[in-house]
């Protein structure tokens, strides 16, 4: 198991239009950040990983700091859990892309 902190910039350009007056971090961007963290933890390129499943439990706001926990799953997959404080916000499973 490993833990890492993801700091999401409050001024990221994607949040300006997602959604005006009530900004949240786009799910696709969160998943991209998660895959980069997995790749870094394994010393691999990000293209070596794919999201197998993901569940968004709560909105993630610009400037939030996520604590991400990575654990090995059967078949070489990686299970991820992201929290803001005690609240779980994103969970899922990533798998190695054998074609990368």
PDB file of N, CA and C in Angstrom:
ATOM      1  N   UNK A   1       0.844  -1.173   0.000  1.00  0.00           N
ATOM      2  CA  UNK A   1       0.000   0.000   0.000  1.00  0.00           C
ATOM      3  C   UNK A   1       0.890   1.237   0.000  1.00  0.00           C
ATOM      4  N   UNK A   2       0.470   2.244  -0.745  1.00  0.00           N
ATOM      5  CA  UNK A   2       1.176   3.517  -0.720  1.00  0.00           C
ATOM      6  C   UNK A   2       0.159   4.644  -0.653  1.00  0.00           C
ATOM      7  N   UNK A   3       0.611   5.759  -0.135  1.00  0.00           N
ATOM      8  CA  UNK A   3      -0.229   6.954  -0.030  1.00  0.00           C
ATOM      9  C   UNK A   3       0.483   8.119  -0.697  1.00  0.00           C
ATOM     10  N   UNK A   4      -0.307   8.965  -1.296  1.00  0.00           N
ATOM     11  CA  UNK A   4       0.238  10.172  -1.901  1.00  0.00           C
ATOM     12  C   UNK A   4      -0.799  11.281  -1.771  1.00  0.00           C
ATOM     13  N   UNK A   5      -0.348  12.505  -1.875  1.00  0.00           N
ATOM     14  CA  UNK A   5      -1.234  13.666  -1.813  1.00  0.00           C
ATOM     15  C   UNK A   5      -1.346  14.267  -3.212  1.00  0.00           C
ATOM     16  N   UNK A   6      -2.578  14.503  -3.644  1.00  0.00           N
ATOM     17  CA  UNK A   6      -2.822  15.195  -4.907  1.00  0.00           C
ATOM     18  C   UNK A   6      -3.332  16.595  -4.567  1.00  0.00           C
ATOM     19  N   UNK A   7      -2.602  17.595  -4.991  1.00  0.00           N
ATOM     20  CA  UNK A   7      -3.018  18.985  -4.781  1.00  0.00           C
ATOM     21  C   UNK A   7      -3.606  19.498  -6.094  1.00  0.00           C
ATOM     22  N   UNK A   8      -4.853  19.878  -6.037  1.00  0.00           N
ATOM     23  CA  UNK A   8      -5.563  20.319  -7.242  1.00  0.00           C
ATOM     24  C   UNK A   8      -5.581  21.835  -7.281  1.00  0.00           C
ATOM     25  N   UNK A   9      -4.920  22.425  -8.273  1.00  0.00           N
ATOM     26  CA  UNK A   9      -4.802  23.883  -8.300  1.00  0.00           C
ATOM     27  C   UNK A   9      -6.154  24.587  -8.416  1.00  0.00           C
ATOM     28  N   UNK A  10      -6.321  25.617  -7.609  1.00  0.00           N
ATOM     29  CA  UNK A  10      -7.572  26.377  -7.621  1.00  0.00           C
ATOM     30  C   UNK A  10      -7.759  27.140  -8.917  1.00  0.00           C
ATOM     31  N   UNK A  11      -6.656  27.418  -9.619  1.00  0.00           N
ATOM     32  CA  UNK A  11      -6.748  28.214 -10.840  1.00  0.00           C
ATOM     33  C   UNK A  11      -6.622  27.371 -12.113  1.00  0.00           C
ATOM     34  N   UNK A  12      -6.857  26.079 -12.009  1.00  0.00           N
ATOM     35  CA  UNK A  12      -6.755  25.226 -13.202  1.00  0.00           C
ATOM     36  C   UNK A  12      -7.772  25.699 -14.243  1.00  0.00           C
ATOM     37  N   UNK A  13      -7.368  25.846 -15.510  1.00  0.00           N
ATOM     38  CA  UNK A  13      -8.265  26.403 -16.533  1.00  0.00           C
ATOM     39  C   UNK A  13      -9.540  25.601 -16.768  1.00  0.00           C
ATOM     40  N   UNK A  14      -9.551  24.330 -16.472  1.00  0.00           N
ATOM     41  CA  UNK A  14     -10.735  23.507 -16.746  1.00  0.00           C
ATOM     42  C   UNK A  14     -11.898  23.802 -15.812  1.00  0.00           C
ATOM     43  N   UNK A  15     -11.632  24.364 -14.641  1.00  0.00           N
ATOM     44  CA  UNK A  15     -12.715  24.556 -13.681  1.00  0.00           C
ATOM     45  C   UNK A  15     -13.515  25.829 -13.916  1.00  0.00           C
ATOM     46  N   UNK A  16     -12.963  26.737 -14.704  1.00  0.00           N
ATOM     47  CA  UNK A  16     -13.661  28.000 -14.953  1.00  0.00           C
ATOM     48  C   UNK A  16     -15.058  27.778 -15.549  1.00  0.00           C
ATOM     49  N   UNK A  17     -15.181  26.849 -16.461  1.00  0.00           N
ATOM     50  CA  UNK A  17     -16.478  26.592 -17.082  1.00  0.00           C
ATOM     51  C   UNK A  17     -17.161  25.341 -16.566  1.00  0.00           C
ATOM     52  N   UNK A  18     -16.679  24.799 -15.460  1.00  0.00           N
ATOM     53  CA  UNK A  18     -17.183  23.506 -14.962  1.00  0.00           C
ATOM     54  C   UNK A  18     -17.493  23.588 -13.480  1.00  0.00           C
ATOM     55  N   UNK A  19     -18.338  24.231 -12.987  1.00  0.00           N
ATOM     56  CA  UNK A  19     -19.483  24.957 -13.518  1.00  0.00           C
ATOM     57  C   UNK A  19     -19.461  26.369 -12.950  1.00  0.00           C
ATOM     58  N   UNK A  20     -19.775  27.387 -13.751  1.00  0.00           N
ATOM     59  CA  UNK A  20     -19.723  28.773 -13.269  1.00  0.00           C
ATOM     60  C   UNK A  20     -20.563  28.953 -11.996  1.00  0.00           C
ATOM     61  N   UNK A  21     -19.947  29.569 -10.998  1.00  0.00           N
ATOM     62  CA  UNK A  21     -20.636  29.812  -9.740  1.00  0.00           C
ATOM     63  C   UNK A  21     -20.597  28.641  -8.769  1.00  0.00           C
ATOM     64  N   UNK A  22     -20.286  27.455  -9.255  1.00  0.00           N
ATOM     65  CA  UNK A  22     -20.224  26.258  -8.414  1.00  0.00           C
ATOM     66  C   UNK A  22     -19.182  25.298  -9.000  1.00  0.00           C
ATOM     67  N   UNK A  23     -17.905  25.726  -9.049  1.00  0.00           N
ATOM     68  CA  UNK A  23     -16.889  24.940  -9.754  1.00  0.00           C
ATOM     69  C   UNK A  23     -16.571  23.609  -9.087  1.00  0.00           C
ATOM     70  N   UNK A  24     -16.420  22.591  -9.917  1.00  0.00           N
ATOM     71  CA  UNK A  24     -15.931  21.289  -9.469  1.00  0.00           C
ATOM     72  C   UNK A  24     -14.837  20.839 -10.431  1.00  0.00           C
ATOM     73  N   UNK A  25     -13.972  19.984  -9.956  1.00  0.00           N
ATOM     74  CA  UNK A  25     -12.906  19.453 -10.796  1.00  0.00           C
ATOM     75  C   UNK A  25     -13.506  18.382 -11.703  1.00  0.00           C
ATOM     76  N   UNK A  26     -13.309  18.447 -13.017  1.00  0.00           N
ATOM     77  CA  UNK A  26     -13.870  17.448 -13.930  1.00  0.00           C
ATOM     78  C   UNK A  26     -13.350  16.037 -13.620  1.00  0.00           C
ATOM     79  N   UNK A  27     -14.251  15.063 -13.699  1.00  0.00           N
ATOM     80  CA  UNK A  27     -13.893  13.668 -13.419  1.00  0.00           C
ATOM     81  C   UNK A  27     -12.762  13.156 -14.292  1.00  0.00           C
ATOM     82  N   UNK A  28     -12.773  13.511 -15.567  1.00  0.00           N
ATOM     83  CA  UNK A  28     -11.712  13.036 -16.469  1.00  0.00           C
ATOM     84  C   UNK A  28     -10.350  13.557 -16.027  1.00  0.00           C
ATOM     85  N   UNK A  29     -10.307  14.789 -15.555  1.00  0.00           N
ATOM     86  CA  UNK A  29      -9.056  15.365 -15.080  1.00  0.00           C
ATOM     87  C   UNK A  29      -8.594  14.671 -13.795  1.00  0.00           C
ATOM     88  N   UNK A  30      -9.533  14.366 -12.902  1.00  0.00           N
ATOM     89  CA  UNK A  30      -9.189  13.628 -11.679  1.00  0.00           C
ATOM     90  C   UNK A  30      -8.594  12.264 -12.013  1.00  0.00           C
ATOM     91  N   UNK A  31      -9.227  11.561 -12.950  1.00  0.00           N
ATOM     92  CA  UNK A  31      -8.724  10.241 -13.329  1.00  0.00           C
ATOM     93  C   UNK A  31      -7.336  10.339 -13.956  1.00  0.00           C
ATOM     94  N   UNK A  32      -7.111  11.370 -14.738  1.00  0.00           N
ATOM     95  CA  UNK A  32      -5.789  11.572 -15.329  1.00  0.00           C
ATOM     96  C   UNK A  32      -4.740  11.779 -14.232  1.00  0.00           C
ATOM     97  N   UNK A  33      -5.062  12.583 -13.237  1.00  0.00           N
ATOM     98  CA  UNK A  33      -4.143  12.808 -12.115  1.00  0.00           C
ATOM     99  C   UNK A  33      -3.886  11.509 -11.353  1.00  0.00           C
ATOM    100  N   UNK A  34      -4.921  10.708 -11.170  1.00  0.00           N
ATOM    101  CA  UNK A  34      -4.785   9.423 -10.474  1.00  0.00           C
ATOM    102  C   UNK A  34      -3.870   8.488 -11.257  1.00  0.00           C
ATOM    103  N   UNK A  35      -4.071   8.395 -12.568  1.00  0.00           N
ATOM    104  CA  UNK A  35      -3.219   7.528 -13.385  1.00  0.00           C
ATOM    105  C   UNK A  35      -1.761   7.991 -13.361  1.00  0.00           C
ATOM    106  N   UNK A  36      -1.540   9.295 -13.372  1.00  0.00           N
ATOM    107  CA  UNK A  36      -0.168   9.805 -13.276  1.00  0.00           C
ATOM    108  C   UNK A  36       0.467   9.411 -11.940  1.00  0.00           C
ATOM    109  N   UNK A  37      -0.300   9.493 -10.869  1.00  0.00           N
ATOM    110  CA  UNK A  37       0.223   9.118  -9.548  1.00  0.00           C
ATOM    111  C   UNK A  37       0.551   7.621  -9.494  1.00  0.00           C
ATOM    112  N   UNK A  38      -0.302   6.796 -10.086  1.00  0.00           N
ATOM    113  CA  UNK A  38      -0.038   5.350 -10.125  1.00  0.00           C
ATOM    114  C   UNK A  38       1.235   5.083 -10.918  1.00  0.00           C
ATOM    115  N   UNK A  39       1.349   5.702 -12.076  1.00  0.00           N
ATOM    116  CA  UNK A  39       2.532   5.499 -12.921  1.00  0.00           C
ATOM    117  C   UNK A  39       3.802   5.924 -12.190  1.00  0.00           C
ATOM    118  N   UNK A  40       3.759   7.074 -11.522  1.00  0.00           N
ATOM    119  CA  UNK A  40       4.931   7.532 -10.756  1.00  0.00           C
ATOM    120  C   UNK A  40       5.290   6.536  -9.663  1.00  0.00           C
ATOM    121  N   UNK A  41       4.279   6.008  -8.979  1.00  0.00           N
ATOM    122  CA  UNK A  41       4.546   5.077  -7.872  1.00  0.00           C
ATOM    123  C   UNK A  41       5.163   3.775  -8.367  1.00  0.00           C
ATOM    124  N   UNK A  42       4.931   3.443  -9.629  1.00  0.00           N
ATOM    125  CA  UNK A  42       5.459   2.213 -10.222  1.00  0.00           C
ATOM    126  C   UNK A  42       6.690   2.454 -11.092  1.00  0.00           C
ATOM    127  N   UNK A  43       7.076   3.711 -11.249  1.00  0.00           N
ATOM    128  CA  UNK A  43       8.218   4.022 -12.099  1.00  0.00           C
ATOM    129  C   UNK A  43       7.944   3.721 -13.558  1.00  0.00           C
ATOM    130  N   UNK A  44       6.699   3.955 -13.996  1.00  0.00           N
ATOM    131  CA  UNK A  44       6.299   3.657 -15.373  1.00  0.00           C
ATOM    132  C   UNK A  44       5.751   4.910 -16.049  1.00  0.00           C
ATOM    133  N   UNK A  45       5.573   4.809 -17.345  1.00  0.00           N
ATOM    134  CA  UNK A  45       4.892   5.862 -18.088  1.00  0.00           C
ATOM    135  C   UNK A  45       3.403   5.794 -17.791  1.00  0.00           C
ATOM    136  N   UNK A  46       2.745   6.939 -17.842  1.00  0.00           N
ATOM    137  CA  UNK A  46       1.303   6.972 -17.576  1.00  0.00           C
ATOM    138  C   UNK A  46       0.539   6.139 -18.606  1.00  0.00           C
ATOM    139  N   UNK A  47       1.079   6.017 -19.817  1.00  0.00           N
ATOM    140  CA  UNK A  47       0.406   5.233 -20.859  1.00  0.00           C
ATOM    141  C   UNK A  47       0.371   3.740 -20.545  1.00  0.00           C
ATOM    142  N   UNK A  48       1.062   3.338 -19.486  1.00  0.00           N
ATOM    143  CA  UNK A  48       1.058   1.926 -19.087  1.00  0.00           C
ATOM    144  C   UNK A  48      -0.174   1.563 -18.275  1.00  0.00           C
ATOM    145  N   UNK A  49      -1.058   2.547 -17.986  1.00  0.00           N
ATOM    146  CA  UNK A  49      -2.205   2.301 -17.108  1.00  0.00           C
ATOM    147  C   UNK A  49      -3.509   2.790 -17.718  1.00  0.00           C
ATOM    148  N   UNK A  50      -4.582   2.062 -17.433  1.00  0.00           N
ATOM    149  CA  UNK A  50      -5.938   2.406 -17.868  1.00  0.00           C
ATOM    150  C   UNK A  50      -6.872   2.339 -16.667  1.00  0.00           C
ATOM    151  N   UNK A  51      -7.903   3.153 -16.675  1.00  0.00           N
ATOM    152  CA  UNK A  51      -8.923   3.073 -15.632  1.00  0.00           C
ATOM    153  C   UNK A  51      -9.872   1.941 -15.991  1.00  0.00           C
ATOM    154  N   UNK A  52      -9.989   0.990 -15.109  1.00  0.00           N
ATOM    155  CA  UNK A  52     -10.891  -0.148 -15.311  1.00  0.00           C
ATOM    156  C   UNK A  52     -12.292   0.194 -14.799  1.00  0.00           C
ATOM    157  N   UNK A  53     -12.347   0.880 -13.646  1.00  0.00           N
ATOM    158  CA  UNK A  53     -13.625   1.329 -13.095  1.00  0.00           C
ATOM    159  C   UNK A  53     -13.371   2.508 -12.172  1.00  0.00           C
ATOM    160  N   UNK A  54     -14.377   3.352 -12.031  1.00  0.00           N
ATOM    161  CA  UNK A  54     -14.262   4.497 -11.127  1.00  0.00           C
ATOM    162  C   UNK A  54     -15.645   4.884 -10.636  1.00  0.00           C
ATOM    163  N   UNK A  55     -15.688   5.338  -9.402  1.00  0.00           N
ATOM    164  CA  UNK A  55     -16.937   5.802  -8.811  1.00  0.00           C
ATOM    165  C   UNK A  55     -16.658   7.144  -8.140  1.00  0.00           C
ATOM    166  N   UNK A  56     -17.430   8.143  -8.539  1.00  0.00           N
ATOM    167  CA  UNK A  56     -17.303   9.485  -7.978  1.00  0.00           C
ATOM    168  C   UNK A  56     -18.371   9.632  -6.901  1.00  0.00           C
ATOM    169  N   UNK A  57     -17.948   9.794  -5.662  1.00  0.00           N
ATOM    170  CA  UNK A  57     -18.862   9.787  -4.531  1.00  0.00           C
ATOM    171  C   UNK A  57     -19.269  11.182  -4.069  1.00  0.00           C
ATOM    172  N   UNK A  58     -18.398  12.160  -4.268  1.00  0.00           N
ATOM    173  CA  UNK A  58     -18.649  13.535  -3.857  1.00  0.00           C
ATOM    174  C   UNK A  58     -17.905  14.468  -4.806  1.00  0.00           C
ATOM    175  N   UNK A  59     -18.401  15.699  -4.954  1.00  0.00           N
ATOM    176  CA  UNK A  59     -17.687  16.655  -5.802  1.00  0.00           C
ATOM    177  C   UNK A  59     -16.317  16.999  -5.220  1.00  0.00           C
ATOM    178  N   UNK A  60     -15.381  17.256  -6.096  1.00  0.00           N
ATOM    179  CA  UNK A  60     -14.047  17.710  -5.717  1.00  0.00           C
ATOM    180  C   UNK A  60     -13.925  19.141  -6.223  1.00  0.00           C
ATOM    181  N   UNK A  61     -13.560  20.032  -5.332  1.00  0.00           N
ATOM    182  CA  UNK A  61     -13.515  21.460  -5.641  1.00  0.00           C
ATOM    183  C   UNK A  61     -12.090  21.906  -5.977  1.00  0.00           C
ATOM    184  N   UNK A  62     -11.960  22.952  -6.780  1.00  0.00           N
ATOM    185  CA  UNK A  62     -10.643  23.520  -7.051  1.00  0.00           C
ATOM    186  C   UNK A  62      -9.951  23.882  -5.736  1.00  0.00           C
ATOM    187  N   UNK A  63      -8.685  23.552  -5.633  1.00  0.00           N
ATOM    188  CA  UNK A  63      -7.925  23.834  -4.427  1.00  0.00           C
ATOM    189  C   UNK A  63      -7.971  22.731  -3.388  1.00  0.00           C
ATOM    190  N   UNK A  64      -8.824  21.724  -3.581  1.00  0.00           N
ATOM    191  CA  UNK A  64      -8.878  20.604  -2.641  1.00  0.00           C
ATOM    192  C   UNK A  64      -7.575  19.827  -2.655  1.00  0.00           C
ATOM    193  N   UNK A  65      -7.277  19.221  -1.537  1.00  0.00           N
ATOM    194  CA  UNK A  65      -6.113  18.352  -1.409  1.00  0.00           C
ATOM    195  C   UNK A  65      -6.632  16.943  -1.150  1.00  0.00           C
ATOM    196  N   UNK A  66      -6.317  16.028  -2.056  1.00  0.00           N
ATOM    197  CA  UNK A  66      -6.786  14.649  -1.937  1.00  0.00           C
ATOM    198  C   UNK A  66      -5.683  13.761  -1.400  1.00  0.00           C
ATOM    199  N   UNK A  67      -6.043  12.936  -0.448  1.00  0.00           N
ATOM    200  CA  UNK A  67      -5.129  11.891  -0.009  1.00  0.00           C
ATOM    201  C   UNK A  67      -5.512  10.633  -0.784  1.00  0.00           C
ATOM    202  N   UNK A  68      -4.560  10.099  -1.525  1.00  0.00           N
ATOM    203  CA  UNK A  68      -4.834   8.925  -2.352  1.00  0.00           C
ATOM    204  C   UNK A  68      -4.087   7.726  -1.788  1.00  0.00           C
ATOM    205  N   UNK A  69      -4.840   6.638  -1.634  1.00  0.00           N
ATOM    206  CA  UNK A  69      -4.272   5.378  -1.170  1.00  0.00           C
ATOM    207  C   UNK A  69      -4.312   4.383  -2.326  1.00  0.00           C
ATOM    208  N   UNK A  70      -3.175   3.772  -2.611  1.00  0.00           N
ATOM    209  CA  UNK A  70      -3.057   2.783  -3.681  1.00  0.00           C
ATOM    210  C   UNK A  70      -2.768   1.424  -3.052  1.00  0.00           C
ATOM    211  N   UNK A  71      -3.532   0.407  -3.462  1.00  0.00           N
ATOM    212  CA  UNK A  71      -3.282  -0.946  -2.969  1.00  0.00           C
ATOM    213  C   UNK A  71      -3.297  -1.916  -4.143  1.00  0.00           C
ATOM    214  N   UNK A  72      -2.468  -2.937  -4.027  1.00  0.00           N
ATOM    215  CA  UNK A  72      -2.415  -3.972  -5.064  1.00  0.00           C
ATOM    216  C   UNK A  72      -3.700  -4.794  -5.019  1.00  0.00           C
ATOM    217  N   UNK A  73      -4.193  -5.136  -6.189  1.00  0.00           N
ATOM    218  CA  UNK A  73      -5.387  -5.976  -6.328  1.00  0.00           C
ATOM    219  C   UNK A  73      -5.005  -7.194  -7.165  1.00  0.00           C
ATOM    220  N   UNK A  74      -5.841  -8.220  -7.184  1.00  0.00           N
ATOM    221  CA  UNK A  74      -5.522  -9.419  -7.973  1.00  0.00           C
ATOM    222  C   UNK A  74      -5.249  -9.098  -9.440  1.00  0.00           C
ATOM    223  N   UNK A  75      -4.349  -9.851 -10.024  1.00  0.00           N
ATOM    224  CA  UNK A  75      -4.048  -9.715 -11.449  1.00  0.00           C
ATOM    225  C   UNK A  75      -3.163  -8.527 -11.787  1.00  0.00           C
ATOM    226  N   UNK A  76      -2.551  -7.908 -10.784  1.00  0.00           N
ATOM    227  CA  UNK A  76      -1.686  -6.759 -11.040  1.00  0.00           C
ATOM    228  C   UNK A  76      -2.410  -5.433 -11.104  1.00  0.00           C
ATOM    229  N   UNK A  77      -3.721  -5.448 -10.874  1.00  0.00           N
ATOM    230  CA  UNK A  77      -4.478  -4.198 -10.858  1.00  0.00           C
ATOM    231  C   UNK A  77      -4.114  -3.377  -9.624  1.00  0.00           C
ATOM    232  N   UNK A  78      -4.457  -2.096  -9.657  1.00  0.00           N
ATOM    233  CA  UNK A  78      -4.249  -1.192  -8.537  1.00  0.00           C
ATOM    234  C   UNK A  78      -5.597  -0.596  -8.143  1.00  0.00           C
ATOM    235  N   UNK A  79      -5.956  -0.759  -6.883  1.00  0.00           N
ATOM    236  CA  UNK A  79      -7.176  -0.146  -6.354  1.00  0.00           C
ATOM    237  C   UNK A  79      -6.798   1.221  -5.786  1.00  0.00           C
ATOM    238  N   UNK A  80      -7.616   2.242  -6.097  1.00  0.00           N
ATOM    239  CA  UNK A  80      -7.357   3.574  -5.563  1.00  0.00           C
ATOM    240  C   UNK A  80      -8.557   4.096  -4.787  1.00  0.00           C
ATOM    241  N   UNK A  81      -8.246   4.805  -3.710  1.00  0.00           N
ATOM    242  CA  UNK A  81      -9.242   5.469  -2.860  1.00  0.00           C
ATOM    243  C   UNK A  81      -8.728   6.878  -2.614  1.00  0.00           C
ATOM    244  N   UNK A  82      -9.541   7.867  -2.933  1.00  0.00           N
ATOM    245  CA  UNK A  82      -9.164   9.262  -2.715  1.00  0.00           C
ATOM    246  C   UNK A  82     -10.105   9.882  -1.694  1.00  0.00           C
ATOM    247  N   UNK A  83      -9.512  10.594  -0.735  1.00  0.00           N
ATOM    248  CA  UNK A  83     -10.284  11.217   0.332  1.00  0.00           C
ATOM    249  C   UNK A  83      -9.915  12.692   0.460  1.00  0.00           C
ATOM    250  N   UNK A  84     -10.885  13.461   0.892  1.00  0.00           N
ATOM    251  CA  UNK A  84     -10.656  14.827   1.345  1.00  0.00           C
ATOM    252  C   UNK A  84     -10.999  14.783   2.825  1.00  0.00           C
ATOM    253  N   UNK A  85      -9.981  14.859   3.649  1.00  0.00           N
ATOM    254  CA  UNK A  85     -10.199  14.642   5.079  1.00  0.00           C
ATOM    255  C   UNK A  85     -10.677  13.218   5.284  1.00  0.00           C
ATOM    256  N   UNK A  86     -11.785  13.056   5.978  1.00  0.00           N
ATOM    257  CA  UNK A  86     -12.332  11.725   6.238  1.00  0.00           C
ATOM    258  C   UNK A  86     -13.320  11.282   5.161  1.00  0.00           C
ATOM    259  N   UNK A  87     -13.658  12.169   4.227  1.00  0.00           N
ATOM    260  CA  UNK A  87     -14.673  11.856   3.216  1.00  0.00           C
ATOM    261  C   UNK A  87     -14.062  11.212   1.977  1.00  0.00           C
ATOM    262  N   UNK A  88     -14.544  10.032   1.645  1.00  0.00           N
ATOM    263  CA  UNK A  88     -14.097   9.380   0.416  1.00  0.00           C
ATOM    264  C   UNK A  88     -14.804  10.044  -0.759  1.00  0.00           C
ATOM    265  N   UNK A  89     -14.023  10.424  -1.794  1.00  0.00           N
ATOM    266  CA  UNK A  89     -14.595  11.155  -2.924  1.00  0.00           C
ATOM    267  C   UNK A  89     -14.497  10.397  -4.245  1.00  0.00           C
ATOM    268  N   UNK A  90     -13.461   9.595  -4.435  1.00  0.00           N
ATOM    269  CA  UNK A  90     -13.291   8.829  -5.672  1.00  0.00           C
ATOM    270  C   UNK A  90     -12.677   7.481  -5.320  1.00  0.00           C
ATOM    271  N   UNK A  91     -13.236   6.408  -5.886  1.00  0.00           N
ATOM    272  CA  UNK A  91     -12.658   5.076  -5.737  1.00  0.00           C
ATOM    273  C   UNK A  91     -12.618   4.424  -7.105  1.00  0.00           C
ATOM    274  N   UNK A  92     -11.776   3.427  -7.246  1.00  0.00           N
ATOM    275  CA  UNK A  92     -11.759   2.721  -8.519  1.00  0.00           C
ATOM    276  C   UNK A  92     -10.629   1.726  -8.626  1.00  0.00           C
ATOM    277  N   UNK A  93     -10.471   1.252  -9.843  1.00  0.00           N
ATOM    278  CA  UNK A  93      -9.488   0.226 -10.147  1.00  0.00           C
ATOM    279  C   UNK A  93      -8.801   0.592 -11.460  1.00  0.00           C
ATOM    280  N   UNK A  94      -7.479   0.491 -11.454  1.00  0.00           N
ATOM    281  CA  UNK A  94      -6.690   0.718 -12.672  1.00  0.00           C
ATOM    282  C   UNK A  94      -5.983  -0.574 -13.023  1.00  0.00           C
ATOM    283  N   UNK A  95      -5.785  -0.768 -14.304  1.00  0.00           N
ATOM    284  CA  UNK A  95      -5.065  -1.971 -14.736  1.00  0.00           C
ATOM    285  C   UNK A  95      -3.948  -1.584 -15.660  1.00  0.00           C
ATOM    286  N   UNK A  96      -2.964  -2.458 -15.706  1.00  0.00           N
ATOM    287  CA  UNK A  96      -1.842  -2.237 -16.583  1.00  0.00           C
ATOM    288  C   UNK A  96      -2.286  -2.473 -18.011  1.00  0.00           C
ATOM    289  N   UNK A  97      -1.864  -1.588 -18.905  1.00  0.00           N
ATOM    290  CA  UNK A  97      -2.144  -1.734 -20.330  1.00  0.00           C
ATOM    291  C   UNK A  97      -0.972  -2.460 -20.960  1.00  0.00           C
ATOM    292  N   UNK A  98      -1.137  -3.727 -21.274  1.00  0.00           N
ATOM    293  CA  UNK A  98      -0.051  -4.549 -21.796  1.00  0.00           C
ATOM    294  C   UNK A  98       0.486  -4.072 -23.143  1.00  0.00           C
ATOM    295  N   UNK A  99      -0.245  -3.174 -23.819  1.00  0.00           N
ATOM    296  CA  UNK A  99       0.206  -2.703 -25.126  1.00  0.00           C
ATOM    297  C   UNK A  99       1.103  -1.479 -25.006  1.00  0.00           C
ATOM    298  N   UNK A 100       1.209  -0.907 -23.809  1.00  0.00           N
ATOM    299  CA  UNK A 100       2.011   0.321 -23.637  1.00  0.00           C
ATOM    300  C   UNK A 100       3.495   0.028 -23.615  1.00  0.00           C
TER     301      UNK A 100
END
